[in-house]
Amino acid sequence: PPSMKSRVARATVWVVWARGVLQGISFISTLVLARLLNPEDFGLFALVAVWTGVIALVAELGLGDTIVQFRHLRPAELNACFWLITSLSILGYLILYAAAPAIATLFGSDALSDFLRVVALTVPLTGVRVVPESLLRKQVRLDRISQVEIAAVLPSIPIVIGLAGGGMVVCFVAALLARIPGVRVELVDLDAARADVASALGVGFAAPAD
């Protein structure tokens, strides 16, 4: 039908354009972060990405592809998929939270424990998006998915760079994280003057060499 052809053409244009934009943004932000972070920091991120990625994949159970492939699904079935994935994602986060100290000990990095506990919060968020995104893919609304991806990436760039540079953003986030039970927050910055700011926020301070 013409409507389907038009939808596919629109989706193709958006996907190609969005992928180009996202790759360009990723490349530029990586260059900026490479100037701000040590190789050890990238190593920590890679380790955390592996653990969170595996847990998110297990929690998804392949139900996203199942929703796309099945032609007719009742609302009750979609709700069951949503709550099952969400529950497993939350359970996965709790497991990672509890296992974070042991994982940090295994890899010989004290900083890995707190980093994993914070970044693992993306696991439940990823679980929540599986069903809505799968429904959009089923309807060939890839243009909407691309728009959401761009809208999600653009605001994250200054936040990530701010976190790496120890600016106002990182100070605000550090103050919030310090109030989570069991999380030890430490502000790492080359500028020794940040120690007074860290003290005022109630968090630790260390230079990169420490």
Protein backbone atom coordinates (compact mmCIF):
# COMPACT_ATOMS: atom_id res chain seq x y z
CA PRO A 1 0.00 0.00 0.00
CA PRO A 2 1.15 3.58 -0.60
CA SER A 3 0.92 4.39 3.10
CA MET A 4 3.32 1.57 3.96
CA LYS A 5 5.73 2.60 1.18
CA SER A 6 5.66 6.18 2.43
CA ARG A 7 6.22 5.05 6.01
CA VAL A 8 9.18 2.86 5.03
CA ALA A 9 10.74 5.65 2.96
CA ARG A 10 10.35 8.16 5.78
CA ALA A 11 11.76 5.70 8.30
CA THR A 12 14.76 4.95 6.07
CA VAL A 13 15.61 8.63 5.67
CA TRP A 14 15.38 9.22 9.41
CA VAL A 15 17.44 6.14 10.31
CA VAL A 16 20.26 7.03 7.90
CA TRP A 17 20.28 10.67 8.99
CA ALA A 18 20.06 9.85 12.69
CA ARG A 19 22.84 7.27 12.53
CA GLY A 20 25.12 9.80 10.87
CA VAL A 21 24.33 12.44 13.49
CA LEU A 22 24.75 10.03 16.40
CA GLN A 23 28.06 8.72 15.07
CA GLY A 24 29.33 12.27 14.63
CA ILE A 25 28.26 13.24 18.13
CA SER A 26 29.82 10.09 19.58
CA PHE A 27 33.11 10.75 17.78
CA ILE A 28 33.33 14.38 18.91
CA SER A 29 32.36 13.63 22.52
CA THR A 30 34.90 10.78 22.63
CA LEU A 31 37.65 13.16 21.50
CA VAL A 32 36.68 15.65 24.20
CA LEU A 33 36.53 12.99 26.90
CA ALA A 34 39.88 11.60 25.81
CA ARG A 35 41.37 14.95 26.77
CA LEU A 36 39.70 14.92 30.17
CA LEU A 37 39.90 11.30 31.30
CA ASN A 38 42.74 8.94 32.07
CA PRO A 39 43.05 5.54 30.32
CA GLU A 40 42.05 3.94 33.62
CA ASP A 41 38.72 5.77 33.50
CA PHE A 42 37.95 4.35 30.07
CA GLY A 43 38.86 0.91 31.37
CA LEU A 44 36.37 1.26 34.23
CA PHE A 45 33.66 2.34 31.83
CA ALA A 46 34.33 -0.68 29.60
CA LEU A 47 34.06 -3.07 32.56
CA VAL A 48 30.82 -1.47 33.73
CA ALA A 49 29.40 -1.57 30.19
CA VAL A 50 30.01 -5.32 30.00
CA TRP A 51 28.23 -6.08 33.27
CA THR A 52 25.26 -3.77 32.67
CA GLY A 53 24.94 -4.93 29.06
CA VAL A 54 24.79 -8.59 30.00
CA ILE A 55 22.20 -8.01 32.75
CA ALA A 56 20.04 -5.89 30.44
CA LEU A 57 20.22 -8.56 27.73
CA VAL A 58 19.20 -11.33 30.13
CA ALA A 59 16.34 -9.25 31.57
CA GLU A 60 14.96 -8.56 28.10
CA LEU A 61 14.54 -12.32 27.44
CA GLY A 62 14.14 -11.73 23.71
CA LEU A 63 10.60 -10.44 24.28
CA GLY A 64 11.27 -7.30 22.24
CA ASP A 65 11.80 -9.32 19.04
CA THR A 66 8.83 -11.51 19.97
CA ILE A 67 6.55 -8.47 20.10
CA VAL A 68 7.74 -7.39 16.65
CA GLN A 69 7.19 -10.81 15.10
CA PHE A 70 3.75 -11.60 16.53
CA ARG A 71 1.03 -9.98 14.46
CA HIS A 72 -1.68 -9.78 17.10
CA LEU A 73 -0.97 -9.24 20.78
CA ARG A 74 -3.60 -8.40 23.35
CA PRO A 75 -3.07 -5.49 25.77
CA ALA A 76 -2.90 -7.99 28.64
CA GLU A 77 -0.03 -9.79 26.91
CA LEU A 78 1.85 -6.54 26.29
CA ASN A 79 1.34 -5.53 29.92
CA ALA A 80 2.69 -8.90 31.05
CA CYS A 81 5.78 -8.43 28.86
CA PHE A 82 6.33 -4.91 30.19
CA TRP A 83 6.09 -5.83 33.86
CA LEU A 84 8.13 -9.02 33.44
CA ILE A 85 11.00 -7.16 31.75
CA THR A 86 10.79 -4.27 34.20
CA SER A 87 10.79 -6.60 37.22
CA LEU A 88 13.75 -8.59 35.92
CA SER A 89 15.63 -5.37 35.16
CA ILE A 90 15.10 -4.10 38.70
CA LEU A 91 16.16 -7.48 40.08
CA GLY A 92 19.25 -7.34 37.87
CA TYR A 93 20.12 -3.91 39.23
CA LEU A 94 19.76 -5.11 42.81
CA ILE A 95 22.03 -8.07 42.07
CA LEU A 96 24.65 -5.77 40.53
CA TYR A 97 24.33 -3.38 43.47
CA ALA A 98 24.93 -6.19 45.97
CA ALA A 99 27.72 -7.79 43.94
CA ALA A 100 29.53 -4.53 43.14
CA PRO A 101 32.10 -4.80 45.99
CA ALA A 102 32.94 -8.38 45.03
CA ILE A 103 33.31 -7.40 41.35
CA ALA A 104 35.54 -4.48 42.33
CA THR A 105 37.71 -6.82 44.41
CA LEU A 106 37.90 -9.28 41.54
CA PHE A 107 39.26 -6.62 39.19
CA GLY A 108 41.35 -4.89 41.86
CA SER A 109 39.66 -1.50 41.60
CA ASP A 110 37.98 0.15 44.59
CA ALA A 111 36.40 2.82 42.37
CA LEU A 112 34.63 0.19 40.27
CA SER A 113 32.15 -0.64 43.04
CA ASP A 114 30.52 2.79 43.33
CA PHE A 115 30.79 3.40 39.59
CA LEU A 116 28.99 0.14 38.83
CA ARG A 117 26.24 0.85 41.35
CA VAL A 118 25.48 4.20 39.76
CA VAL A 119 25.77 3.26 36.08
CA ALA A 120 23.72 0.08 36.66
CA LEU A 121 20.71 2.35 37.15
CA THR A 122 20.52 2.34 33.34
CA VAL A 123 19.45 -1.33 33.44
CA PRO A 124 15.88 -0.65 34.74
CA LEU A 125 15.61 2.34 32.40
CA THR A 126 16.56 0.14 29.46
CA GLY A 127 13.99 -2.44 30.52
CA VAL A 128 11.18 0.12 30.60
CA ARG A 129 11.78 1.14 26.98
CA VAL A 130 11.74 -2.37 25.45
CA VAL A 131 7.99 -2.77 24.92
CA PRO A 132 7.23 0.77 23.61
CA GLU A 133 10.24 0.64 21.28
CA SER A 134 9.27 -2.80 20.01
CA LEU A 135 5.76 -1.56 19.21
CA LEU A 136 7.23 1.30 17.20
CA ARG A 137 9.49 -1.12 15.32
CA LYS A 138 6.50 -3.35 14.64
CA GLN A 139 4.66 -0.39 13.10
CA VAL A 140 7.78 0.57 11.09
CA ARG A 141 7.92 3.87 12.99
CA LEU A 142 11.70 3.90 12.93
CA ASP A 143 11.60 7.65 12.39
CA ARG A 144 10.12 8.11 15.87
CA ILE A 145 12.77 5.87 17.39
CA SER A 146 15.50 7.90 15.67
CA GLN A 147 14.01 11.16 16.91
CA VAL A 148 13.91 9.86 20.47
CA GLU A 149 17.52 8.66 20.25
CA ILE A 150 18.73 12.06 19.07
CA ALA A 151 16.66 13.87 21.70
CA ALA A 152 18.17 11.60 24.39
CA VAL A 153 21.79 11.96 23.25
CA LEU A 154 22.00 15.73 22.78
CA PRO A 155 21.27 16.71 26.42
CA SER A 156 23.62 14.00 27.71
CA ILE A 157 26.74 15.44 26.05
CA PRO A 158 27.23 18.50 28.29
CA ILE A 159 26.31 16.36 31.32
CA VAL A 160 28.94 13.71 30.54
CA ILE A 161 31.61 16.32 29.79
CA GLY A 162 30.64 18.22 32.93
CA LEU A 163 30.95 15.05 34.99
CA ALA A 164 34.39 14.37 33.56
CA GLY A 165 35.56 17.91 34.18
CA GLY A 166 34.35 18.21 37.73
CA GLY A 167 32.16 21.24 37.00
CA MET A 168 28.91 22.35 38.56
CA VAL A 169 27.06 19.38 37.11
CA VAL A 170 29.35 16.85 38.76
CA CYS A 171 29.16 18.72 42.06
CA PHE A 172 25.36 18.60 41.97
CA VAL A 173 25.29 14.89 41.05
CA ALA A 174 27.91 14.08 43.68
CA ALA A 175 25.81 15.74 46.37
CA LEU A 176 22.79 13.63 45.36
CA LEU A 177 24.70 10.36 45.16
CA ALA A 178 26.30 10.93 48.55
CA ARG A 179 22.83 10.60 50.08
CA ILE A 180 22.30 7.08 48.72
CA PRO A 181 22.93 4.51 51.49
CA GLY A 182 25.97 2.38 50.83
CA VAL A 183 27.43 4.65 48.12
CA ARG A 184 30.77 6.32 48.77
CA VAL A 185 31.26 9.38 46.54
CA GLU A 186 34.64 10.88 45.79
CA LEU A 187 35.27 13.95 43.62
CA VAL A 188 38.39 13.51 41.49
CA ASP A 189 39.90 16.65 39.95
CA LEU A 190 43.27 18.10 39.05
CA ASP A 191 42.35 21.39 40.74
CA ALA A 192 43.18 21.10 44.45
CA ALA A 193 40.84 24.01 45.13
CA ARG A 194 37.94 21.62 44.50
CA ALA A 195 38.70 19.99 47.85
CA ASP A 196 36.85 22.80 49.64
CA VAL A 197 33.84 22.29 47.37
CA ALA A 198 33.90 18.54 48.01
CA SER A 199 34.07 19.13 51.75
CA ALA A 200 31.08 21.46 51.61
CA LEU A 201 29.11 18.81 49.70
CA GLY A 202 30.05 16.10 52.18
CA VAL A 203 31.96 13.98 49.65
CA GLY A 204 35.59 12.85 49.46
CA PHE A 205 38.24 14.42 47.26
CA ALA A 206 41.29 13.01 45.49
CA ALA A 207 43.68 13.96 42.74
CA PRO A 208 43.86 11.65 39.67
CA ALA A 209 47.29 10.43 40.80
CA ASP A 210 45.77 9.18 44.08
